Protein backbone atom coordinates (compact mmCIF):
# COMPACT_ATOMS: atom_id res chain seq x y z
CA UNK A 1 -13.24 26.40 11.17
CA UNK A 2 -14.46 22.93 10.87
CA UNK A 3 -13.06 20.62 13.09
CA UNK A 4 -15.29 17.84 12.46
CA UNK A 5 -13.32 14.62 10.08
CA UNK A 6 -13.12 15.09 6.24
CA UNK A 7 -12.15 17.92 7.70
CA UNK A 8 -8.06 19.01 5.74
CA UNK A 9 -8.08 21.97 4.53
CA UNK A 10 -4.14 22.78 5.28
CA UNK A 11 -3.96 18.77 3.56
CA UNK A 12 -5.88 20.39 0.13
CA UNK A 13 -3.13 23.15 0.25
CA UNK A 14 -0.04 21.62 0.67
CA UNK A 15 -1.62 18.61 -2.21
CA UNK A 16 -2.72 21.29 -4.38
CA UNK A 17 0.94 21.32 -6.66
CA UNK A 18 1.31 18.17 -7.43
CA UNK A 19 -1.62 17.99 -7.28
CA UNK A 20 -1.26 19.81 -10.31
CA UNK A 21 1.27 18.15 -12.17
CA UNK A 22 -0.75 14.83 -11.18
CA UNK A 23 -2.60 16.35 -13.62
CA UNK A 24 -0.12 17.04 -16.17
CA UNK A 25 0.42 12.94 -16.05
CA UNK A 26 -2.94 12.54 -15.99
CA UNK A 27 -3.27 15.14 -19.85
CA UNK A 28 -0.17 12.38 -20.76
CA UNK A 29 -2.36 9.47 -19.59
CA UNK A 30 -4.91 10.96 -22.09
CA UNK A 31 -3.15 11.36 -25.29
CA UNK A 32 -1.85 7.76 -24.00
CA UNK A 33 -5.15 6.38 -23.54
CA UNK A 34 -6.35 7.65 -26.52
CA UNK A 35 -3.85 6.35 -29.20
CA UNK A 36 -3.78 3.25 -27.23
CA UNK A 37 -7.59 2.40 -27.80
CA UNK A 38 -7.04 3.29 -31.95
CA UNK A 39 -4.45 0.61 -31.54
CA UNK A 40 -6.30 -1.88 -30.09
CA UNK A 41 -9.67 -1.25 -32.86
CA UNK A 42 -6.70 -2.03 -35.53
CA UNK A 43 -4.77 -4.89 -33.42
CA UNK A 44 -6.95 -6.91 -31.43
CA UNK A 45 -5.13 -9.33 -30.64
CA UNK A 46 -2.24 -7.02 -28.94
CA UNK A 47 -1.95 -7.86 -24.95
CA UNK A 48 -0.09 -5.06 -24.96
CA UNK A 49 -1.93 -2.57 -26.55
CA UNK A 50 -4.69 -3.24 -23.63
CA UNK A 51 -1.97 -2.79 -20.90
CA UNK A 52 -1.56 0.32 -22.53
CA UNK A 53 -4.51 1.96 -22.39
CA UNK A 54 -5.27 0.63 -18.90
CA UNK A 55 -1.82 2.25 -16.90
CA UNK A 56 -3.29 5.53 -19.08
CA UNK A 57 -6.55 4.95 -17.34
CA UNK A 58 -4.57 5.24 -14.20
CA UNK A 59 -2.72 7.84 -14.81
CA UNK A 60 -6.01 9.82 -15.88
CA UNK A 61 -7.00 9.12 -12.20
CA UNK A 62 -3.42 10.20 -10.44
CA UNK A 63 -4.47 13.71 -9.53
CA UNK A 64 -7.98 11.76 -7.47
CA UNK A 65 -5.40 9.72 -5.11
CA UNK A 66 -2.62 11.91 -5.01
CA UNK A 67 -5.63 14.30 -3.16
CA UNK A 68 -7.02 11.36 -1.52
CA UNK A 69 -3.14 11.10 -0.07
CA UNK A 70 -3.14 13.85 0.79
CA UNK A 71 -5.08 14.78 2.89
CA UNK A 72 -4.97 11.42 5.06
CA UNK A 73 -1.66 12.00 5.52
CA UNK A 74 -2.68 15.81 7.52
CA UNK A 75 -4.14 16.20 10.88
CA UNK A 76 -7.19 19.05 10.51
């Protein structure tokens, strides 16, 4: 068993179900990103499409943020 600063296996195991849920949200983010990107190519003057693409990129990064948050919350 490691007791270093970056070792938090319990947090990883507890955060895994939430990471899987956020992975589903990430897939939705990919779909929104593809649709938003094609809309921004068709009509580049629309600012709301750009905001939609930015939101989709944050949804894609959701699993990484969830796992980082869980590993920071639970000590080794």
